[in-house]
Amino acid sequence: MRGRRRGATALEYALLLPVLMALMFGVVDWCWYLFEWMTITRAAGQGLRLATGLPLSEDPIGRAEAETARWLRVGLDGGETAADIQASLLPTPEGTVLQISIDVAFQAPINLVWTPEQLSATAQGLWYGDAFGE
């Protein structure tokens, strides 16, 4: 009886291995997607954080875009990224809002499961740069 069961373990392993590998590679793709999404979200927040207190004379829009690009270079690939970064001051009834939007193309490393082709993040905050007078 023992001789007939000898190959059963190898057969079960051979049947389960592709399923387990696909699951593992799918997890890698989704983890990479979440990492890059969190990176661009953090970059938008850091650009916003820097620029919300800057007066117009110090170019808060340009500084916000530069700080956001710096965080993207550090977080995504250590070099230049093909990110579309837009910062703007928007008047609202509550005050002026600084908004930073980022769009980045995304390519999964293994591409085994569906992931979006574009990552986007937006950060908004009340701009108080000229509130204290210059």
C-alpha atoms as a PDB file:
ATOM      1  CA  MET A   1       0.000   0.000   0.000  1.00  0.00           C
ATOM      2  CA  ARG A   2       2.802   2.390   0.837  1.00  0.00           C
ATOM      3  CA  GLY A   3       4.351   2.070  -2.616  1.00  0.00           C
ATOM      4  CA  ARG A   4       1.187   3.249  -4.369  1.00  0.00           C
ATOM      5  CA  ARG A   5       0.991   6.491  -2.299  1.00  0.00           C
ATOM      6  CA  ARG A   6       4.600   7.391  -2.921  1.00  0.00           C
ATOM      7  CA  GLY A   7       3.909   9.579  -5.986  1.00  0.00           C
ATOM      8  CA  ALA A   8       0.738  11.182  -4.587  1.00  0.00           C
ATOM      9  CA  THR A   9       2.642  13.878  -2.709  1.00  0.00           C
ATOM     10  CA  ALA A  10       4.619  14.874  -5.786  1.00  0.00           C
ATOM     11  CA  LEU A  11       1.429  14.975  -7.858  1.00  0.00           C
ATOM     12  CA  GLU A  12      -0.377  17.155  -5.297  1.00  0.00           C
ATOM     13  CA  TYR A  13       2.625  19.468  -5.167  1.00  0.00           C
ATOM     14  CA  ALA A  14       2.745  19.718  -8.958  1.00  0.00           C
ATOM     15  CA  LEU A  15      -0.968  20.591  -9.071  1.00  0.00           C
ATOM     16  CA  LEU A  16      -0.813  23.191  -6.287  1.00  0.00           C
ATOM     17  CA  LEU A  17       2.446  24.904  -7.215  1.00  0.00           C
ATOM     18  CA  PRO A  18       1.099  26.942 -10.192  1.00  0.00           C
ATOM     19  CA  VAL A  19      -1.865  28.125  -8.133  1.00  0.00           C
ATOM     20  CA  LEU A  20       0.339  29.175  -5.229  1.00  0.00           C
ATOM     21  CA  MET A  21       2.831  30.921  -7.536  1.00  0.00           C
ATOM     22  CA  ALA A  22       0.046  32.826  -9.300  1.00  0.00           C
ATOM     23  CA  LEU A  23      -1.319  33.903  -5.932  1.00  0.00           C
ATOM     24  CA  MET A  24       2.117  35.017  -4.755  1.00  0.00           C
ATOM     25  CA  PHE A  25       2.857  36.989  -7.926  1.00  0.00           C
ATOM     26  CA  GLY A  26      -0.588  38.597  -7.758  1.00  0.00           C
ATOM     27  CA  VAL A  27       0.169  39.742  -4.229  1.00  0.00           C
ATOM     28  CA  VAL A  28       3.486  41.204  -5.439  1.00  0.00           C
ATOM     29  CA  ASP A  29       1.697  43.178  -8.186  1.00  0.00           C
ATOM     30  CA  TRP A  30      -0.901  44.565  -5.783  1.00  0.00           C
ATOM     31  CA  CYS A  31       1.706  45.423  -3.151  1.00  0.00           C
ATOM     32  CA  TRP A  32       3.723  47.330  -5.756  1.00  0.00           C
ATOM     33  CA  TYR A  33       0.567  49.167  -6.838  1.00  0.00           C
ATOM     34  CA  LEU A  34      -0.227  50.120  -3.240  1.00  0.00           C
ATOM     35  CA  PHE A  35       3.368  51.212  -2.625  1.00  0.00           C
ATOM     36  CA  GLU A  36       3.390  53.553  -5.625  1.00  0.00           C
ATOM     37  CA  TRP A  37      -0.085  54.882  -4.807  1.00  0.00           C
ATOM     38  CA  MET A  38       1.011  55.670  -1.243  1.00  0.00           C
ATOM     39  CA  THR A  39       4.190  57.281  -2.581  1.00  0.00           C
ATOM     40  CA  ILE A  40       2.342  59.725  -4.837  1.00  0.00           C
ATOM     41  CA  THR A  41      -0.205  60.435  -2.103  1.00  0.00           C
ATOM     42  CA  ARG A  42       2.623  61.224   0.302  1.00  0.00           C
ATOM     43  CA  ALA A  43       4.391  63.384  -2.304  1.00  0.00           C
ATOM     44  CA  ALA A  44       1.245  65.455  -2.880  1.00  0.00           C
ATOM     45  CA  GLY A  45       0.815  65.907   0.862  1.00  0.00           C
ATOM     46  CA  GLN A  46       4.425  66.977   1.364  1.00  0.00           C
ATOM     47  CA  GLY A  47       4.238  69.511  -1.479  1.00  0.00           C
ATOM     48  CA  LEU A  48       1.049  70.888   0.043  1.00  0.00           C
ATOM     49  CA  ARG A  49       2.563  71.007   3.517  1.00  0.00           C
ATOM     50  CA  LEU A  50       5.518  73.052   2.301  1.00  0.00           C
ATOM     51  CA  ALA A  51       3.527  75.569   0.288  1.00  0.00           C
ATOM     52  CA  THR A  52       0.437  76.320   2.413  1.00  0.00           C
ATOM     53  CA  GLY A  53       2.259  78.914   4.478  1.00  0.00           C
ATOM     54  CA  LEU A  54       4.275  80.585   1.710  1.00  0.00           C
ATOM     55  CA  PRO A  55       3.283  84.097   0.616  1.00  0.00           C
ATOM     56  CA  LEU A  56       2.725  84.833  -3.082  1.00  0.00           C
ATOM     57  CA  SER A  57       6.103  86.572  -3.227  1.00  0.00           C
ATOM     58  CA  GLU A  58       7.774  83.167  -2.612  1.00  0.00           C
ATOM     59  CA  ASP A  59       5.857  81.380  -5.423  1.00  0.00           C
ATOM     60  CA  PRO A  60       3.880  78.757  -3.489  1.00  0.00           C
ATOM     61  CA  ILE A  61       2.681  77.037  -6.673  1.00  0.00           C
ATOM     62  CA  GLY A  62       6.163  76.548  -8.103  1.00  0.00           C
ATOM     63  CA  ARG A  63       7.588  75.490  -4.751  1.00  0.00           C
ATOM     64  CA  ALA A  64       4.725  73.009  -4.221  1.00  0.00           C
ATOM     65  CA  GLU A  65       5.332  71.435  -7.634  1.00  0.00           C
ATOM     66  CA  ALA A  66       9.104  71.272  -7.031  1.00  0.00           C
ATOM     67  CA  GLU A  67       8.717  69.685  -3.583  1.00  0.00           C
ATOM     68  CA  THR A  68       6.204  67.172  -4.919  1.00  0.00           C
ATOM     69  CA  ALA A  69       8.557  66.242  -7.782  1.00  0.00           C
ATOM     70  CA  ARG A  70      11.422  65.853  -5.301  1.00  0.00           C
ATOM     71  CA  TRP A  71       9.396  63.417  -3.193  1.00  0.00           C
ATOM     72  CA  LEU A  72       8.393  61.476  -6.309  1.00  0.00           C
ATOM     73  CA  ARG A  73      12.021  61.155  -7.422  1.00  0.00           C
ATOM     74  CA  VAL A  74      12.995  59.785  -4.023  1.00  0.00           C
ATOM     75  CA  GLY A  75       9.990  57.473  -3.645  1.00  0.00           C
ATOM     76  CA  LEU A  76       9.256  55.968  -7.038  1.00  0.00           C
ATOM     77  CA  ASP A  77      12.455  55.200  -8.889  1.00  0.00           C
ATOM     78  CA  GLY A  78      15.265  57.373  -7.594  1.00  0.00           C
ATOM     79  CA  GLY A  79      15.425  59.250 -10.917  1.00  0.00           C
ATOM     80  CA  GLU A  80      13.172  61.312 -13.096  1.00  0.00           C
ATOM     81  CA  THR A  81       9.529  60.303 -13.210  1.00  0.00           C
ATOM     82  CA  ALA A  82       7.032  60.963 -15.966  1.00  0.00           C
ATOM     83  CA  ALA A  83       4.568  62.546 -13.562  1.00  0.00           C
ATOM     84  CA  ASP A  84       2.073  65.251 -14.401  1.00  0.00           C
ATOM     85  CA  ILE A  85       2.071  67.581 -11.380  1.00  0.00           C
ATOM     86  CA  GLN A  86      -0.386  70.471 -11.246  1.00  0.00           C
ATOM     87  CA  ALA A  87      -0.635  72.954  -8.372  1.00  0.00           C
ATOM     88  CA  SER A  88      -3.163  75.774  -8.231  1.00  0.00           C
ATOM     89  CA  LEU A  89      -4.719  78.289  -5.877  1.00  0.00           C
ATOM     90  CA  LEU A  90      -8.515  78.078  -5.907  1.00  0.00           C
ATOM     91  CA  PRO A  91     -10.750  80.732  -4.339  1.00  0.00           C
ATOM     92  CA  THR A  92     -13.545  79.299  -2.178  1.00  0.00           C
ATOM     93  CA  PRO A  93     -16.038  80.901   0.245  1.00  0.00           C
ATOM     94  CA  GLU A  94     -13.926  79.652   3.184  1.00  0.00           C
ATOM     95  CA  GLY A  95     -10.682  81.085   1.765  1.00  0.00           C
ATOM     96  CA  THR A  96      -8.101  80.243  -0.836  1.00  0.00           C
ATOM     97  CA  VAL A  97      -7.334  76.534  -1.243  1.00  0.00           C
ATOM     98  CA  LEU A  98      -4.047  75.188  -2.538  1.00  0.00           C
ATOM     99  CA  GLN A  99      -4.564  72.027  -4.585  1.00  0.00           C
ATOM    100  CA  ILE A 100      -1.919  69.644  -5.890  1.00  0.00           C
ATOM    101  CA  SER A 101      -2.813  66.911  -8.396  1.00  0.00           C
ATOM    102  CA  ILE A 102      -0.494  64.155  -9.594  1.00  0.00           C
ATOM    103  CA  ASP A 103      -0.962  61.685 -12.444  1.00  0.00           C
ATOM    104  CA  VAL A 104       1.626  58.940 -12.991  1.00  0.00           C
ATOM    105  CA  ALA A 105       1.640  56.047 -15.442  1.00  0.00           C
ATOM    106  CA  PHE A 106       1.806  52.691 -13.660  1.00  0.00           C
ATOM    107  CA  GLN A 107       3.221  49.402 -14.887  1.00  0.00           C
ATOM    108  CA  ALA A 108       3.032  46.374 -12.610  1.00  0.00           C
ATOM    109  CA  PRO A 109       6.314  44.477 -12.307  1.00  0.00           C
ATOM    110  CA  ILE A 110       4.829  41.061 -13.156  1.00  0.00           C
ATOM    111  CA  ASN A 111       1.481  42.122 -14.633  1.00  0.00           C
ATOM    112  CA  LEU A 112      -0.289  38.939 -13.632  1.00  0.00           C
ATOM    113  CA  VAL A 113      -3.396  40.594 -12.134  1.00  0.00           C
ATOM    114  CA  TRP A 114      -5.292  43.667 -13.209  1.00  0.00           C
ATOM    115  CA  THR A 115      -3.932  46.972 -11.962  1.00  0.00           C
ATOM    116  CA  PRO A 116      -4.791  50.460 -13.235  1.00  0.00           C
ATOM    117  CA  GLU A 117      -2.575  52.003 -15.881  1.00  0.00           C
ATOM    118  CA  GLN A 118      -2.737  55.438 -14.270  1.00  0.00           C
ATOM    119  CA  LEU A 119      -2.253  56.455 -10.640  1.00  0.00           C
ATOM    120  CA  SER A 120      -3.716  59.735  -9.428  1.00  0.00           C
ATOM    121  CA  ALA A 121      -3.602  61.644  -6.160  1.00  0.00           C
ATOM    122  CA  THR A 122      -4.933  65.021  -5.091  1.00  0.00           C
ATOM    123  CA  ALA A 123      -4.155  66.969  -1.938  1.00  0.00           C
ATOM    124  CA  GLN A 124      -5.969  70.132  -0.861  1.00  0.00           C
ATOM    125  CA  GLY A 125      -5.380  72.498   2.000  1.00  0.00           C
ATOM    126  CA  LEU A 126      -6.293  75.990   3.070  1.00  0.00           C
ATOM    127  CA  TRP A 127      -3.606  78.384   1.885  1.00  0.00           C
ATOM    128  CA  TYR A 128      -2.820  80.965   4.519  1.00  0.00           C
ATOM    129  CA  GLY A 129       0.371  82.422   3.043  1.00  0.00           C
ATOM    130  CA  ASP A 130      -0.790  86.029   2.838  1.00  0.00           C
ATOM    131  CA  ALA A 131      -3.048  85.861   5.905  1.00  0.00           C
ATOM    132  CA  PHE A 132      -0.542  87.602   8.165  1.00  0.00           C
ATOM    133  CA  GLY A 133       0.358  90.355   5.698  1.00  0.00           C
ATOM    134  CA  GLU A 134       3.667  90.986   4.043  1.00  0.00           C
END
